[in-house]
Protein backbone atom coordinates (compact mmCIF):
# COMPACT_ATOMS: atom_id res chain seq x y z
CA ARG A 1 -28.79 -25.59 29.22
CA ASN A 2 -30.64 -24.39 32.38
CA ARG A 3 -28.41 -21.60 32.80
CA ALA A 4 -28.69 -21.22 29.74
CA GLU A 5 -32.03 -20.76 28.97
CA PHE A 6 -32.17 -18.68 32.40
CA LEU A 7 -29.68 -16.21 30.29
CA PHE A 8 -31.49 -15.76 27.75
CA LYS A 9 -34.49 -15.26 28.78
CA SER A 10 -33.23 -12.46 31.88
CA TYR A 11 -31.57 -10.43 28.61
CA CYS A 12 -34.82 -10.73 26.74
CA LEU A 13 -33.54 -12.14 24.01
CA ASN A 14 -36.90 -13.54 23.26
CA LEU A 15 -37.76 -11.15 21.44
CA VAL A 16 -35.09 -11.04 19.36
CA GLU A 17 -35.43 -13.67 15.92
CA PHE A 18 -32.15 -14.75 15.18
CA ILE A 19 -31.39 -16.54 11.96
CA SER A 20 -27.98 -18.76 10.85
CA ASP A 21 -26.28 -16.30 9.82
CA ASP A 22 -26.31 -13.33 11.92
CA ILE A 23 -22.86 -12.29 14.00
CA VAL A 24 -23.22 -12.23 18.61
CA ILE A 25 -20.37 -10.58 20.36
CA ASP A 26 -20.19 -12.11 23.79
CA CYS A 27 -18.53 -9.62 25.82
CA GLY A 28 -18.09 -10.91 29.11
CA ALA A 29 -18.67 -14.70 28.18
CA ASN A 30 -17.35 -16.43 31.33
CA SER A 31 -17.78 -20.65 30.28
CA GLY A 32 -19.80 -20.16 26.96
CA ASP A 33 -23.32 -21.16 28.97
CA LEU A 34 -25.58 -18.89 26.72
CA TYR A 35 -23.27 -20.71 23.29
CA LEU A 36 -25.26 -23.62 24.82
CA LYS A 37 -28.08 -21.60 23.34
CA PHE A 38 -27.74 -19.60 20.67
CA CYS A 39 -25.74 -22.91 18.85
CA ASP A 40 -28.63 -24.27 17.51
CA MET A 41 -29.76 -20.52 16.32
CA ILE A 42 -26.25 -19.18 14.02
CA GLN A 43 -23.49 -20.67 12.56
CA PRO A 44 -20.82 -21.29 15.00
CA ASN A 45 -18.36 -18.76 13.50
CA ASN A 46 -20.71 -15.73 13.81
CA TYR A 47 -20.78 -16.40 17.73
CA ILE A 48 -17.46 -14.35 19.34
CA ALA A 49 -16.54 -14.66 22.07
CA PHE A 50 -14.94 -12.26 25.11
CA GLU A 51 -13.13 -13.34 27.73
CA PRO A 52 -10.30 -11.72 30.03
CA ASN A 53 -9.67 -13.98 32.62
CA PRO A 54 -7.44 -16.44 31.89
CA THR A 55 -9.15 -18.74 33.68
CA ASP A 56 -12.39 -18.60 32.55
CA PHE A 57 -10.97 -17.99 28.64
CA GLU A 58 -10.14 -21.80 29.39
CA VAL A 59 -13.47 -23.39 29.96
CA LEU A 60 -14.84 -20.78 27.78
CA LYS A 61 -13.05 -22.96 24.57
CA GLU A 62 -14.30 -26.20 26.35
CA ASN A 63 -17.10 -25.40 25.88
CA LEU A 64 -17.80 -23.95 21.84
CA ASN A 65 -17.78 -25.01 18.76
CA SER A 66 -14.11 -25.13 17.68
CA ASP A 67 -15.60 -23.26 14.40
CA CYS A 68 -16.62 -20.36 17.22
CA ARG A 69 -14.15 -16.78 18.17
CA THR A 70 -12.94 -16.67 20.81
CA CYS A 71 -10.57 -13.30 22.34
CA ASN A 72 -8.95 -13.34 25.55
CA GLN A 73 -8.93 -10.18 26.58
CA ALA A 74 -11.79 -7.15 27.33
CA LEU A 75 -13.68 -5.17 25.45
CA GLY A 76 -12.75 -1.36 26.14
CA ASN A 77 -12.61 1.93 25.42
CA VAL A 78 -9.04 2.34 24.97
CA ASP A 79 -6.78 -0.10 22.92
CA THR A 80 -4.27 -1.02 25.24
CA MET A 81 -2.89 -3.24 28.19
CA LEU A 82 -4.74 -2.32 31.74
CA ASP A 83 -5.01 -4.09 34.98
CA PHE A 84 -7.95 -7.22 35.24
CA TYR A 85 -8.98 -7.61 38.67
CA VAL A 86 -9.48 -11.31 39.20
CA ALA A 87 -12.30 -13.02 41.69
CA SER A 88 -13.07 -16.11 41.01
CA LYS A 89 -14.65 -17.26 43.53
CA SER A 90 -17.65 -13.97 43.25
CA GLY A 91 -17.75 -14.05 39.09
CA ASP A 92 -16.62 -10.47 40.17
CA SER A 93 -14.03 -10.24 38.13
CA SER A 94 -12.74 -7.09 36.38
CA ILE A 95 -10.92 -3.67 34.97
CA VAL A 96 -12.75 -1.32 37.71
CA GLU A 97 -11.56 -2.81 40.74
CA PRO A 98 -13.68 -4.82 42.86
CA SER A 99 -13.95 -4.41 46.63
CA VAL A 100 -11.70 -8.75 47.33
CA TYR A 101 -10.22 -10.00 44.28
CA ASP A 102 -7.98 -12.73 44.24
CA GLU A 103 -5.20 -11.34 42.57
CA LYS A 104 -4.30 -8.58 39.39
CA ILE A 105 -2.62 -9.30 36.15
CA THR A 106 -2.56 -7.34 33.00
CA VAL A 107 -5.22 -8.01 29.58
CA LYS A 108 -4.60 -6.52 26.38
CA VAL A 109 -7.57 -4.15 25.94
CA THR A 110 -9.17 -3.25 22.95
CA ARG A 111 -12.05 -0.81 21.21
CA LEU A 112 -15.04 -2.82 19.56
CA ASP A 113 -15.45 -0.32 16.76
CA THR A 114 -11.19 -1.41 16.48
CA TYR A 115 -12.30 -4.97 16.60
CA MET A 116 -14.89 -4.37 13.57
CA VAL A 117 -12.38 -3.05 11.36
CA GLU A 118 -9.87 -5.38 12.04
CA ASN A 119 -12.03 -8.92 11.41
CA ALA A 120 -14.00 -6.85 8.56
CA ILE A 121 -17.16 -7.28 10.03
CA SER A 122 -19.92 -4.76 8.83
CA GLU A 123 -22.90 -5.67 10.81
CA VAL A 124 -23.98 -7.74 13.92
CA LYS A 125 -27.14 -8.83 15.11
CA LEU A 126 -26.49 -8.64 18.85
CA LEU A 127 -23.67 -7.44 21.18
CA LYS A 128 -24.28 -9.07 24.70
CA ILE A 129 -22.55 -7.25 27.98
CA GLU A 130 -21.35 -7.82 31.34
CA ALA A 131 -18.16 -6.56 32.51
CA GLU A 132 -19.09 -6.40 35.66
CA GLY A 133 -19.81 -2.75 36.21
CA PHE A 134 -17.14 -1.49 33.06
CA GLU A 135 -20.35 -1.29 30.55
CA PRO A 136 -19.99 1.48 29.84
CA GLU A 137 -16.65 2.25 29.15
CA ILE A 138 -16.99 -0.93 26.92
CA LEU A 139 -20.50 1.44 25.11
CA GLU A 140 -17.31 3.74 24.35
CA GLY A 141 -14.57 1.43 22.57
CA ALA A 142 -18.41 1.14 20.43
CA SER A 143 -19.28 4.90 19.62
CA GLY A 144 -18.52 4.02 16.49
CA CYS A 145 -20.29 1.03 15.11
CA LEU A 146 -23.35 2.07 17.63
CA ASP A 147 -24.80 3.18 14.31
CA ARG A 148 -23.94 -1.41 13.06
CA ILE A 149 -25.12 -3.04 15.11
CA LEU A 150 -28.97 -3.93 15.87
CA TYR A 151 -28.69 -5.03 19.89
CA ILE A 152 -27.65 -4.09 22.29
CA ALA A 153 -27.85 -6.67 25.28
CA VAL A 154 -26.79 -5.33 28.51
CA ASP A 155 -26.64 -6.53 33.07
CA GLY A 156 -26.10 -2.54 34.34
CA GLY A 157 -26.23 -4.30 37.90
CA PHE A 158 -24.89 -2.48 41.27
CA GLU A 159 -22.15 -4.04 40.36
CA ARG A 160 -19.00 -1.20 39.67
CA GLY A 161 -16.10 -1.11 42.26
CA ILE A 162 -15.88 -1.22 46.01
CA ASP A 163 -19.17 0.85 46.09
CA GLN A 164 -21.05 -0.93 43.84
CA LYS A 165 -22.53 0.87 41.79
CA GLU A 166 -25.10 0.35 39.27
CA THR A 167 -24.12 1.31 35.72
CA PHE A 168 -27.38 0.75 34.32
CA THR A 169 -28.49 4.76 34.17
CA ASN A 170 -25.74 4.95 32.78
CA VAL A 171 -25.68 2.59 29.51
CA THR A 172 -29.87 3.19 29.52
CA ASN A 173 -29.07 6.70 28.78
CA TYR A 174 -25.99 6.36 26.83
CA LEU A 175 -28.25 4.04 24.48
CA CYS A 176 -31.62 6.24 24.23
CA GLN A 177 -28.64 9.73 22.91
CA ASN A 178 -27.23 7.18 20.21
CA GLY A 179 -30.30 6.00 18.83
CA PHE A 180 -31.43 2.80 21.01
CA GLU A 181 -34.90 2.57 22.74
CA MET A 182 -35.58 0.18 25.09
CA VAL A 183 -36.97 -3.28 24.53
CA GLY A 184 -37.07 -5.39 27.21
CA VAL A 185 -35.93 -5.94 30.94
CA TYR A 186 -35.59 -7.99 33.49
CA PHE A 187 -35.16 -5.94 36.55
CA PRO A 188 -34.15 -8.60 39.85
CA TRP A 189 -30.60 -8.03 37.53
CA HIS A 190 -30.96 -4.86 36.11
CA ARG A 191 -30.97 -6.42 32.41
CA ALA A 192 -32.15 -4.49 29.79
CA LEU A 193 -32.34 -5.34 25.34
CA TYR A 194 -31.55 -2.29 23.49
CA LYS A 195 -32.69 -1.57 20.15
CA ASN A 196 -32.15 -0.06 17.62
CA THR A 197 -34.02 2.34 15.79
CA LYS A 198 -32.60 3.98 13.00
CA ASN A 199 -32.01 0.23 11.19
């Protein structure tokens, strides 16, 4: 619960007022730590967790309420299958090849706008993204539904690929060009919260 509290605050989610009917999409849900904070705020079936790492996904299912929606796949800018680099020791598993990894597997990837259409989701209160450098592609894959997402929280730290590039600048520019404004930032980890100004 201490980790859940830290994650919640580091994504500046204390600036958002959640109610039970709100839908939260947790991309890069890992072992479900963040849900420990949301379980008292929203209905379990309104929590949608994406985690492509098979090992983390098994732990995630154990930690979540059985009514939560879990997806053992990645979000991205295409509906396809892609290589996924598993780096369990460092926690840097990603579709973008990291400098060190344990194994390479193939995972299903879907666009968020595709997922929302297929699952009849009309509005999302929060999209949280922690994808070890793959954040820009995930946002591209949400281009058809950005107007139906009220808040987006992103980890844009130095985690992209072998060169460990940051995605904070790219993410911020993209969201600001698409009707969002930054309303909170946690600089130590390059995390920020963006609000849709059109809603």
